[in-house]
């Protein structure tokens, strides 16, 4: 601090003082904060005496190119040295001193704006957060302009730079981190979710709930028959390649119907529908998947047979019911899957497909949920292993309208035979099934009921016989 003219003058390093300029450079012809009187007018006395009376008069060059300097208020013009001196005197006389904000204040502003920027960078909507950063910057600049009128100079470089750079770095770090997380999430979900369901979950990862929830699902189990018989006869490389071809095709079918791949089990797989995304037609999707799987296996048989893998077939079991679905497992490894009695029943139905000699076996709930989109054949009332209450099971024949008339006639006669069987009229039932077996010798359910009717005729059951077949295998 210096003292002169009865005033305390704040000075910076090397005893320099900041000049509070009154405005842009003055013009000789008028205009500007200072009056400029040409030397010729002074010599000729061509000026009003009150212009200089009781005033400080400065004498200096006002020639273009001579003693001109840039100042904060000059813009594309320059200010003569004599006018700079006039602004300095004006600053001292009227005590319009400019004082930079103290260093601790600048540090606090830098930290505060950096903290604000960090919090905004962590916001959920980057675009909205970027606009808020600009608002904060605008508020700071307005505050700096207002304080400048009082003589306090806020740093216009470091605090704004801290705001903008922190937000930019935070945003870049967040984008890189989130992209990495989303990439890992996509890779994980691609193992059991179709691309369309994956995109739905990625739009809001909270949709894929941690833990479990209770909801109605349709579950499908598929299995490759006669796989074990041929597995030992093929080289491991060939076996794995063929099995991978089969699984790739089956998984692609599940994903085309937006199903969730729960897991692979040897030569089979488990899939389900109506989670995590709601699918009101989940039973129909599962049935479509089963029919496509059977058709796809027919096309793959040629490739398998060329490598010595003959006689392969497929069994599929489908069931609908309320079960628990969610991320289940250990703290270190989770799997998005479904558990519950309907899942176990679906697995048992897949096993029954071999017993009845059909490709697709579905439960009563699935038949009701799928509705008239498909054609079905009643198979049996079965007490599956691990479940005391019997279930009505059906064969999924195909899509509605696909069954030819002669096949419809045979199925109608089959239904009459089953009705005779359950009415304990086994002799009539066997006679009818004999006729049907002659017309369709490869039909599994017809042959099965023919054998059962014969056995019951030879050894009739007691009066408590209710027609329920007890499945002894899984």
Protein backbone atom coordinates (compact mmCIF):
# COMPACT_ATOMS: atom_id res chain seq x y z
CA UNK A 1 0.00 0.00 0.00
CA UNK A 2 1.34 3.45 -0.99
CA UNK A 3 0.18 6.79 0.36
CA UNK A 4 -0.01 9.86 -1.89
CA UNK A 5 -2.30 12.86 -2.37
CA UNK A 6 -3.79 12.12 1.02
CA UNK A 7 -4.96 8.72 -0.13
CA UNK A 8 -3.98 5.09 0.44
CA UNK A 9 -3.24 3.53 -2.92
CA UNK A 10 -3.36 -0.30 -3.14
CA UNK A 11 -0.50 -1.61 -5.22
CA UNK A 12 0.43 -5.02 -6.53
CA UNK A 13 3.83 -6.52 -7.20
CA UNK A 14 6.63 -4.05 -8.00
CA UNK A 15 4.44 -1.23 -6.66
CA UNK A 16 2.15 -1.32 -9.72
CA UNK A 17 -1.44 -0.11 -9.60
CA UNK A 18 -4.37 -1.37 -11.59
CA UNK A 19 -6.06 1.41 -13.55
CA UNK A 20 -9.85 1.50 -13.53
CA UNK A 21 -10.41 2.85 -17.05
CA UNK A 22 -13.44 5.09 -17.51
CA UNK A 23 -14.14 3.78 -20.97
CA UNK A 24 -12.80 3.55 -24.53
CA UNK A 25 -10.28 6.07 -25.91
CA UNK A 26 -11.44 9.70 -26.23
CA UNK A 27 -11.62 11.36 -29.64
CA UNK A 28 -10.10 14.79 -30.44
CA UNK A 29 -13.39 15.99 -31.89
CA UNK A 30 -15.38 15.06 -28.81
CA UNK A 31 -16.69 11.91 -27.28
CA UNK A 32 -15.11 9.81 -24.58
CA UNK A 33 -14.47 10.39 -20.86
CA UNK A 34 -11.81 13.12 -21.39
CA UNK A 35 -11.88 16.40 -23.32
CA UNK A 36 -9.01 16.72 -25.80
CA UNK A 37 -8.04 20.27 -26.81
CA UNK A 38 -5.76 20.50 -29.84
CA UNK A 39 -2.54 22.50 -29.33
CA UNK A 40 -3.56 24.91 -32.15
CA UNK A 41 -6.74 25.83 -30.25
CA UNK A 42 -4.70 26.45 -27.14
CA UNK A 43 -2.34 28.80 -29.03
CA UNK A 44 -5.24 30.61 -30.67
CA UNK A 45 -7.27 30.73 -27.48
CA UNK A 46 -10.09 29.01 -29.30
CA UNK A 47 -11.50 27.14 -26.28
CA UNK A 48 -13.66 27.95 -23.29
CA UNK A 49 -11.63 28.87 -20.17
CA UNK A 50 -13.94 26.84 -17.89
CA UNK A 51 -12.75 23.71 -19.70
CA UNK A 52 -9.48 23.92 -17.79
CA UNK A 53 -10.31 26.11 -14.82
CA UNK A 54 -9.65 24.32 -11.49
CA UNK A 55 -8.83 21.14 -13.36
CA UNK A 56 -5.75 19.03 -13.86
CA UNK A 57 -4.45 19.52 -17.36
CA UNK A 58 -2.20 16.96 -18.98
CA UNK A 59 -0.09 17.71 -22.03
CA UNK A 60 0.89 14.90 -24.36
CA UNK A 61 0.93 13.55 -27.90
CA UNK A 62 -2.35 12.69 -29.63
CA UNK A 63 -0.85 11.81 -32.99
CA UNK A 64 -1.66 8.52 -34.75
CA UNK A 65 1.16 6.05 -34.29
CA UNK A 66 2.85 8.05 -31.52
CA UNK A 67 2.66 6.96 -27.88
CA UNK A 68 -0.34 4.66 -28.47
CA UNK A 69 -0.99 1.61 -26.27
CA UNK A 70 -3.56 -1.18 -26.03
CA UNK A 71 -5.74 -1.24 -22.92
CA UNK A 72 -8.64 -3.44 -21.72
CA UNK A 73 -11.12 -0.90 -23.16
CA UNK A 74 -9.49 -0.08 -26.50
CA UNK A 75 -10.79 -2.91 -28.67
CA UNK A 76 -9.50 -2.35 -32.21
CA UNK A 77 -8.24 1.13 -31.27
CA UNK A 78 -5.30 2.18 -29.10
CA UNK A 79 -5.15 4.73 -26.29
CA UNK A 80 -2.61 7.57 -26.11
CA UNK A 81 -0.25 7.51 -23.18
CA UNK A 82 -1.49 10.84 -21.89
CA UNK A 83 -5.05 9.49 -21.61
CA UNK A 84 -3.77 6.39 -19.80
CA UNK A 85 -2.16 8.76 -17.32
CA UNK A 86 -5.47 10.61 -17.03
CA UNK A 87 -7.31 7.37 -16.19
CA UNK A 88 -4.66 6.62 -13.53
CA UNK A 89 -5.11 10.06 -11.94
CA UNK A 90 -8.91 9.63 -12.09
CA UNK A 91 -8.63 6.25 -10.35
CA UNK A 92 -6.54 7.79 -7.52
CA UNK A 93 -8.55 10.99 -7.06
CA UNK A 94 -11.91 9.22 -6.88
CA UNK A 95 -10.49 6.13 -5.17
CA UNK A 96 -11.92 3.79 -7.80
CA UNK A 97 -9.22 1.27 -7.08
CA UNK A 98 -9.28 -2.26 -8.55
CA UNK A 99 -8.24 -4.95 -6.09
CA UNK A 100 -7.82 -8.61 -7.16
CA UNK A 101 -9.65 -11.12 -5.01
CA UNK A 102 -7.36 -12.55 -2.33
CA UNK A 103 -5.59 -15.81 -3.17
CA UNK A 104 -7.58 -17.85 -0.56
CA UNK A 105 -10.81 -16.64 -2.15
CA UNK A 106 -9.58 -17.72 -5.59
CA UNK A 107 -8.65 -21.16 -4.22
CA UNK A 108 -12.09 -21.52 -2.62
CA UNK A 109 -13.76 -20.54 -5.90
CA UNK A 110 -11.66 -23.05 -7.85
CA UNK A 111 -12.52 -25.87 -5.43
CA UNK A 112 -16.20 -24.92 -5.27
CA UNK A 113 -16.66 -24.74 -9.04
CA UNK A 114 -14.69 -27.97 -9.54
CA UNK A 115 -16.91 -29.70 -6.98
CA UNK A 116 -20.07 -28.40 -8.66
CA UNK A 117 -18.76 -29.60 -12.02
CA UNK A 118 -17.98 -33.05 -10.58
CA UNK A 119 -21.47 -33.40 -9.15
CA UNK A 120 -23.05 -32.31 -12.41
CA UNK A 121 -20.86 -34.70 -14.42
CA UNK A 122 -22.24 -37.55 -12.33
CA UNK A 123 -25.81 -36.60 -13.22
CA UNK A 124 -28.01 -39.00 -15.16
CA UNK A 125 -28.63 -36.68 -18.13
CA UNK A 126 -25.35 -35.34 -19.54
CA UNK A 127 -26.98 -32.81 -21.88
CA UNK A 128 -29.05 -31.25 -19.11
CA UNK A 129 -26.03 -31.25 -16.82
CA UNK A 130 -23.96 -29.51 -19.52
CA UNK A 131 -26.57 -26.76 -19.74
CA UNK A 132 -26.42 -26.36 -15.96
CA UNK A 133 -22.64 -25.96 -16.20
CA UNK A 134 -23.15 -23.13 -18.66
CA UNK A 135 -25.69 -21.57 -16.29
CA UNK A 136 -23.17 -21.75 -13.42
CA UNK A 137 -20.51 -20.20 -15.66
CA UNK A 138 -22.91 -17.41 -16.63
CA UNK A 139 -23.76 -16.70 -13.00
CA UNK A 140 -20.05 -16.50 -12.18
CA UNK A 141 -19.37 -14.05 -15.01
CA UNK A 142 -22.31 -11.87 -13.99
CA UNK A 143 -21.06 -11.87 -10.40
CA UNK A 144 -17.57 -10.94 -11.60
CA UNK A 145 -18.97 -8.06 -13.64
CA UNK A 146 -21.04 -6.82 -10.69
CA UNK A 147 -18.13 -7.01 -8.28
CA UNK A 148 -15.90 -5.23 -10.78
CA UNK A 149 -18.11 -2.16 -10.33
CA UNK A 150 -17.20 -2.22 -6.65
CA UNK A 151 -13.49 -2.57 -7.43
CA UNK A 152 -13.09 -6.29 -6.67
CA UNK A 153 -11.63 -8.35 -9.50
CA UNK A 154 -12.57 -12.00 -9.63
CA UNK A 155 -10.24 -14.35 -11.50
CA UNK A 156 -11.80 -15.02 -14.91
CA UNK A 157 -9.36 -17.80 -15.86
CA UNK A 158 -8.73 -20.35 -13.13
CA UNK A 159 -12.20 -20.81 -11.55
CA UNK A 160 -14.02 -21.00 -14.93
CA UNK A 161 -11.28 -23.34 -16.20
CA UNK A 162 -11.75 -25.55 -13.12
CA UNK A 163 -15.50 -25.66 -13.79
CA UNK A 164 -15.23 -26.53 -17.48
CA UNK A 165 -12.25 -28.88 -17.30
CA UNK A 166 -13.59 -30.83 -14.33
CA UNK A 167 -16.93 -31.29 -16.04
CA UNK A 168 -15.27 -32.31 -19.30
CA UNK A 169 -12.92 -34.78 -17.62
CA UNK A 170 -15.74 -36.18 -15.47
CA UNK A 171 -17.98 -36.56 -18.48
CA UNK A 172 -15.28 -38.29 -20.54
CA UNK A 173 -14.44 -40.59 -17.64
CA UNK A 174 -18.11 -41.38 -17.17
CA UNK A 175 -18.64 -42.10 -20.85
CA UNK A 176 -15.59 -44.37 -20.99
CA UNK A 177 -16.56 -46.13 -17.75
CA UNK A 178 -20.22 -46.53 -18.68
CA UNK A 179 -19.36 -47.75 -22.16
CA UNK A 180 -17.08 -50.34 -20.60
CA UNK A 181 -19.79 -51.34 -18.15
CA UNK A 182 -22.40 -51.49 -20.89
CA UNK A 183 -20.07 -53.54 -23.07
CA UNK A 184 -19.56 -56.02 -20.25
CA UNK A 185 -23.29 -56.01 -19.54
CA UNK A 186 -24.07 -56.59 -23.22
CA UNK A 187 -21.59 -59.45 -23.36
CA UNK A 188 -23.14 -61.00 -20.28
CA UNK A 189 -26.73 -60.51 -21.45
CA UNK A 190 -25.94 -61.83 -24.93
CA UNK A 191 -25.46 -65.23 -23.33
CA UNK A 192 -29.09 -65.51 -22.28
CA UNK A 193 -31.10 -62.58 -23.73
CA UNK A 194 -32.09 -61.93 -27.30
CA UNK A 195 -30.75 -58.71 -28.89
CA UNK A 196 -34.14 -56.96 -28.69
CA UNK A 197 -34.62 -57.83 -25.01
CA UNK A 198 -31.00 -56.82 -24.33
CA UNK A 199 -31.61 -53.37 -25.82
CA UNK A 200 -34.74 -53.04 -23.67
CA UNK A 201 -32.78 -53.87 -20.52
CA UNK A 202 -29.83 -51.62 -21.46
CA UNK A 203 -32.18 -48.67 -21.82
CA UNK A 204 -32.73 -49.02 -18.05
CA UNK A 205 -30.54 -51.68 -16.38
CA UNK A 206 -32.75 -51.51 -13.28
CA UNK A 207 -35.32 -53.51 -15.24
CA UNK A 208 -33.11 -56.56 -14.80
CA UNK A 209 -33.91 -56.81 -11.11
CA UNK A 210 -31.37 -58.12 -8.65
CA UNK A 211 -32.91 -60.85 -6.56
CA UNK A 212 -36.17 -62.45 -7.64
CA UNK A 213 -39.79 -61.73 -8.38
CA UNK A 214 -42.88 -63.89 -8.68
CA UNK A 215 -44.54 -63.90 -12.09
CA UNK A 216 -46.16 -66.17 -14.65
CA UNK A 217 -43.71 -67.60 -17.19
CA UNK A 218 -43.64 -70.23 -19.88
CA UNK A 219 -40.63 -72.54 -19.64
CA UNK A 220 -39.20 -74.75 -22.38
CA UNK A 221 -36.79 -77.68 -22.07
CA UNK A 222 -35.29 -79.35 -25.14
CA UNK A 223 -33.14 -82.44 -25.38
CA UNK A 224 -31.31 -84.19 -28.20
CA UNK A 225 -32.33 -87.83 -28.23
CA UNK A 226 -29.81 -90.63 -28.89
CA UNK A 227 -26.95 -88.18 -28.35
CA UNK A 228 -25.25 -90.30 -25.69
CA UNK A 229 -25.45 -93.39 -27.88
CA UNK A 230 -23.38 -91.76 -30.63
CA UNK A 231 -21.14 -89.55 -28.50
CA UNK A 232 -18.53 -92.21 -27.76
CA UNK A 233 -18.15 -93.12 -31.45
CA UNK A 234 -17.09 -89.67 -32.66
CA UNK A 235 -13.77 -87.84 -32.18
CA UNK A 236 -14.08 -85.11 -29.52
CA UNK A 237 -13.43 -82.31 -32.02
CA UNK A 238 -16.15 -83.57 -34.36
CA UNK A 239 -18.57 -84.15 -31.50
CA UNK A 240 -18.09 -80.64 -30.09
CA UNK A 241 -18.36 -79.02 -33.53
CA UNK A 242 -21.63 -80.82 -34.34
CA UNK A 243 -23.09 -80.12 -30.92
CA UNK A 244 -22.14 -76.44 -31.20
CA UNK A 245 -23.85 -76.25 -34.60
CA UNK A 246 -26.98 -77.74 -33.07
CA UNK A 247 -26.94 -75.44 -30.02
CA UNK A 248 -26.23 -72.35 -32.13
CA UNK A 249 -29.27 -73.05 -34.28
CA UNK A 250 -31.53 -73.80 -31.30
CA UNK A 251 -30.36 -70.69 -29.43
CA UNK A 252 -30.95 -68.51 -32.49
CA UNK A 253 -34.54 -69.80 -32.60
CA UNK A 254 -35.07 -68.96 -28.92
CA UNK A 255 -33.73 -65.45 -29.51
CA UNK A 256 -35.90 -64.94 -32.60
CA UNK A 257 -38.89 -65.41 -30.31
CA UNK A 258 -37.32 -63.05 -27.71
CA UNK A 259 -36.84 -65.81 -25.19
CA UNK A 260 -34.35 -65.91 -22.32
CA UNK A 261 -31.74 -68.64 -22.46
CA UNK A 262 -31.52 -69.87 -18.87
CA UNK A 263 -28.73 -72.40 -19.41
CA UNK A 264 -27.39 -75.30 -21.44
CA UNK A 265 -27.49 -78.78 -19.97
CA UNK A 266 -25.40 -81.22 -21.96
CA UNK A 267 -27.16 -81.61 -25.29
CA UNK A 268 -30.25 -79.71 -24.13
CA UNK A 269 -31.24 -76.21 -23.10
CA UNK A 270 -33.73 -74.35 -20.94
CA UNK A 271 -35.44 -71.13 -22.00
CA UNK A 272 -38.34 -69.06 -20.72
CA UNK A 273 -40.57 -66.14 -21.71
CA UNK A 274 -42.33 -63.19 -20.01
CA UNK A 275 -39.27 -61.97 -18.09
CA UNK A 276 -37.58 -59.57 -17.77
CA UNK A 277 -39.80 -57.95 -20.40
CA UNK A 278 -43.56 -58.54 -20.22
CA UNK A 279 -44.81 -60.74 -23.06
CA UNK A 280 -48.57 -61.40 -22.91
CA UNK A 281 -48.17 -64.04 -25.66
CA UNK A 282 -45.36 -65.90 -23.85
CA UNK A 283 -47.02 -69.33 -24.26
CA UNK A 284 -47.46 -68.79 -28.00
CA UNK A 285 -43.81 -67.75 -28.36
CA UNK A 286 -42.65 -70.89 -26.58
CA UNK A 287 -44.81 -73.12 -28.81
CA UNK A 288 -43.53 -71.38 -31.94
CA UNK A 289 -39.99 -71.95 -30.69
CA UNK A 290 -40.61 -75.67 -30.19
CA UNK A 291 -42.04 -76.12 -33.68
CA UNK A 292 -39.13 -74.21 -35.23
CA UNK A 293 -36.64 -76.31 -33.26
CA UNK A 294 -38.12 -79.55 -34.55
CA UNK A 295 -38.10 -78.22 -38.11
CA UNK A 296 -34.50 -77.01 -37.77
CA UNK A 297 -33.33 -80.39 -36.49
CA UNK A 298 -34.79 -81.99 -39.60
CA UNK A 299 -32.53 -79.78 -41.71
CA UNK A 300 -29.50 -80.51 -39.52
CA UNK A 301 -29.95 -84.29 -39.69
CA UNK A 302 -28.30 -84.44 -43.12
CA UNK A 303 -25.15 -82.78 -41.81
CA UNK A 304 -25.11 -84.99 -38.74
CA UNK A 305 -25.66 -88.17 -40.76
CA UNK A 306 -22.71 -87.29 -43.01
CA UNK A 307 -20.49 -87.47 -39.91
CA UNK A 308 -21.96 -90.74 -38.69
CA UNK A 309 -24.44 -89.20 -36.26
CA UNK A 310 -27.66 -90.91 -37.39
CA UNK A 311 -31.00 -91.49 -35.74
CA UNK A 312 -31.02 -88.22 -33.80
CA UNK A 313 -34.31 -86.76 -32.70
CA UNK A 314 -35.56 -84.10 -30.34
CA UNK A 315 -37.84 -83.92 -27.36
CA UNK A 316 -39.33 -80.68 -26.05
CA UNK A 317 -41.34 -80.01 -22.90
CA UNK A 318 -43.24 -76.77 -22.27
CA UNK A 319 -45.11 -75.65 -19.17
CA UNK A 320 -46.72 -72.41 -17.98
CA UNK A 321 -47.14 -71.30 -14.40
CA UNK A 322 -46.19 -68.88 -11.64
CA UNK A 323 -42.55 -69.13 -10.58
CA UNK A 324 -39.66 -67.11 -9.19
CA UNK A 325 -37.41 -65.42 -11.75
CA UNK A 326 -34.37 -63.24 -11.21
CA UNK A 327 -30.62 -63.12 -10.68
CA UNK A 328 -29.90 -66.18 -8.59
CA UNK A 329 -26.61 -67.70 -7.50
CA UNK A 330 -23.66 -66.75 -5.34
CA UNK A 331 -22.32 -63.29 -4.52
CA UNK A 332 -19.57 -63.76 -7.11
CA UNK A 333 -21.53 -65.32 -9.95
CA UNK A 334 -25.18 -64.76 -10.82
CA UNK A 335 -27.44 -66.32 -13.42
CA UNK A 336 -30.76 -64.91 -14.61
CA UNK A 337 -33.03 -67.95 -14.32
CA UNK A 338 -36.38 -69.25 -13.13
CA UNK A 339 -37.14 -71.73 -10.36
CA UNK A 340 -40.30 -73.33 -9.08
CA UNK A 341 -42.63 -76.28 -9.51
CA UNK A 342 -43.69 -75.31 -13.07
CA UNK A 343 -40.02 -75.44 -14.11
CA UNK A 344 -39.66 -78.97 -12.75
CA UNK A 345 -42.86 -80.03 -14.50
CA UNK A 346 -41.56 -78.64 -17.82
CA UNK A 347 -38.43 -80.72 -17.42
CA UNK A 348 -40.53 -83.83 -16.74
CA UNK A 349 -42.69 -83.13 -19.79
CA UNK A 350 -39.58 -83.08 -21.95
CA UNK A 351 -38.74 -86.55 -20.60
CA UNK A 352 -42.28 -87.75 -21.37
CA UNK A 353 -41.85 -86.82 -25.05
CA UNK A 354 -39.73 -89.95 -25.47
CA UNK A 355 -42.23 -92.08 -23.54
CA UNK A 356 -45.05 -91.05 -25.88
CA UNK A 357 -42.93 -90.98 -29.02
CA UNK A 358 -43.71 -87.33 -29.89
CA UNK A 359 -41.58 -84.24 -30.33
CA UNK A 360 -43.34 -81.66 -28.16
CA UNK A 361 -45.29 -82.23 -24.92
CA UNK A 362 -47.03 -79.29 -23.25
CA UNK A 363 -48.99 -78.83 -20.04
CA UNK A 364 -52.65 -77.87 -19.69
CA UNK A 365 -51.81 -74.29 -18.66
CA UNK A 366 -49.69 -73.79 -21.78
CA UNK A 367 -52.47 -75.15 -24.00
CA UNK A 368 -54.96 -72.72 -22.48
CA UNK A 369 -52.57 -69.76 -22.71
CA UNK A 370 -51.54 -70.48 -26.32
CA UNK A 371 -55.19 -70.80 -27.35
CA UNK A 372 -56.37 -71.46 -30.88
CA UNK A 373 -53.08 -70.54 -32.54
CA UNK A 374 -52.07 -74.23 -32.58
CA UNK A 375 -53.48 -77.72 -32.85
CA UNK A 376 -53.07 -80.22 -30.03
CA UNK A 377 -53.62 -83.87 -29.18
CA UNK A 378 -54.49 -85.04 -25.70
CA UNK A 379 -51.89 -87.50 -24.50
CA UNK A 380 -52.56 -88.48 -20.94
CA UNK A 381 -53.29 -87.64 -17.34
CA UNK A 382 -49.84 -88.09 -15.78
CA UNK A 383 -48.41 -88.00 -12.27
CA UNK A 384 -44.90 -86.81 -13.06
CA UNK A 385 -42.00 -87.73 -10.81
CA UNK A 386 -41.71 -85.45 -7.79
CA UNK A 387 -45.31 -84.20 -8.03
CA UNK A 388 -48.29 -86.00 -6.54
CA UNK A 389 -51.02 -84.05 -8.35
CA UNK A 390 -51.54 -85.35 -11.93
CA UNK A 391 -51.34 -83.02 -14.91
CA UNK A 392 -53.09 -83.19 -18.26
CA UNK A 393 -50.50 -83.26 -21.02
CA UNK A 394 -50.85 -82.66 -24.75
CA UNK A 395 -48.84 -83.07 -27.89
CA UNK A 396 -48.24 -79.85 -29.80
CA UNK A 397 -49.09 -80.93 -33.34
CA UNK A 398 -48.49 -77.72 -35.28
CA UNK A 399 -49.95 -74.37 -36.17
CA UNK A 400 -53.68 -74.01 -36.60
CA UNK A 401 -54.81 -75.13 -40.04
CA UNK A 402 -51.65 -77.11 -40.87
CA UNK A 403 -53.11 -80.57 -40.19
CA UNK A 404 -54.36 -82.30 -43.41
CA UNK A 405 -57.93 -83.74 -43.46
CA UNK A 406 -56.84 -87.41 -43.38
CA UNK A 407 -54.71 -86.71 -40.33
CA UNK A 408 -57.63 -84.97 -38.65
CA UNK A 409 -59.77 -88.06 -39.22
CA UNK A 410 -57.13 -90.28 -37.64
CA UNK A 411 -56.80 -87.95 -34.63
CA UNK A 412 -60.56 -87.92 -34.13
CA UNK A 413 -60.58 -91.72 -34.00
CA UNK A 414 -57.61 -91.58 -31.63
CA UNK A 415 -59.62 -89.36 -29.27
CA UNK A 416 -62.47 -91.90 -29.31
CA UNK A 417 -60.00 -94.64 -28.46
CA UNK A 418 -58.62 -92.65 -25.52
CA UNK A 419 -62.16 -92.05 -24.27
CA UNK A 420 -62.88 -95.80 -24.44
CA UNK A 421 -59.62 -96.46 -22.60
CA UNK A 422 -60.51 -94.16 -19.71
CA UNK A 423 -64.05 -95.63 -19.64
CA UNK A 424 -62.48 -99.06 -18.87
CA UNK A 425 -63.71 -100.38 -22.21
CA UNK A 426 -60.25 -101.72 -23.02
CA UNK A 427 -61.34 -104.39 -25.50
CA UNK A 428 -63.06 -101.84 -27.71
CA UNK A 429 -60.17 -99.44 -27.24
CA UNK A 430 -57.61 -102.08 -28.25
CA UNK A 431 -59.59 -102.98 -31.36
CA UNK A 432 -59.74 -99.33 -32.40
CA UNK A 433 -56.05 -98.77 -31.68
CA UNK A 434 -55.23 -101.91 -33.71
CA UNK A 435 -56.95 -100.29 -36.70
CA UNK A 436 -55.18 -96.99 -36.11
CA UNK A 437 -51.79 -98.68 -35.74
CA UNK A 438 -52.26 -100.35 -39.11
CA UNK A 439 -52.90 -96.91 -40.67
CA UNK A 440 -50.14 -95.12 -38.70
CA UNK A 441 -47.58 -97.68 -37.51
CA UNK A 442 -45.06 -94.98 -36.46
CA UNK A 443 -47.49 -92.99 -34.31
CA UNK A 444 -46.15 -93.12 -30.75
CA UNK A 445 -49.32 -92.37 -28.72
CA UNK A 446 -51.39 -94.86 -30.74
CA UNK A 447 -48.87 -97.63 -30.15
CA UNK A 448 -48.61 -96.73 -26.45
CA UNK A 449 -52.36 -96.88 -25.82
CA UNK A 450 -52.58 -100.10 -27.82
CA UNK A 451 -50.04 -101.73 -25.48
CA UNK A 452 -51.67 -100.32 -22.37
CA UNK A 453 -55.14 -101.53 -23.37
CA UNK A 454 -53.73 -105.01 -23.99
CA UNK A 455 -52.00 -105.05 -20.59
CA UNK A 456 -55.13 -103.89 -18.77
CA UNK A 457 -57.20 -106.57 -20.48
CA UNK A 458 -54.79 -109.22 -19.30
CA UNK A 459 -54.48 -107.81 -15.77
CA UNK A 460 -57.47 -105.57 -14.99
CA UNK A 461 -56.82 -102.97 -12.26
CA UNK A 462 -58.89 -102.49 -9.15
CA UNK A 463 -62.03 -100.40 -8.92
CA UNK A 464 -59.98 -97.40 -7.74
CA UNK A 465 -58.20 -97.11 -11.10
CA UNK A 466 -58.52 -93.50 -12.25
CA UNK A 467 -56.61 -93.64 -15.53
CA UNK A 468 -53.65 -91.65 -14.17
CA UNK A 469 -50.32 -92.79 -15.56
CA UNK A 470 -47.51 -92.65 -13.03
CA UNK A 471 -44.28 -91.63 -14.70
CA UNK A 472 -41.40 -93.47 -13.06
CA UNK A 473 -38.60 -91.63 -14.89
CA UNK A 474 -37.58 -87.98 -14.99
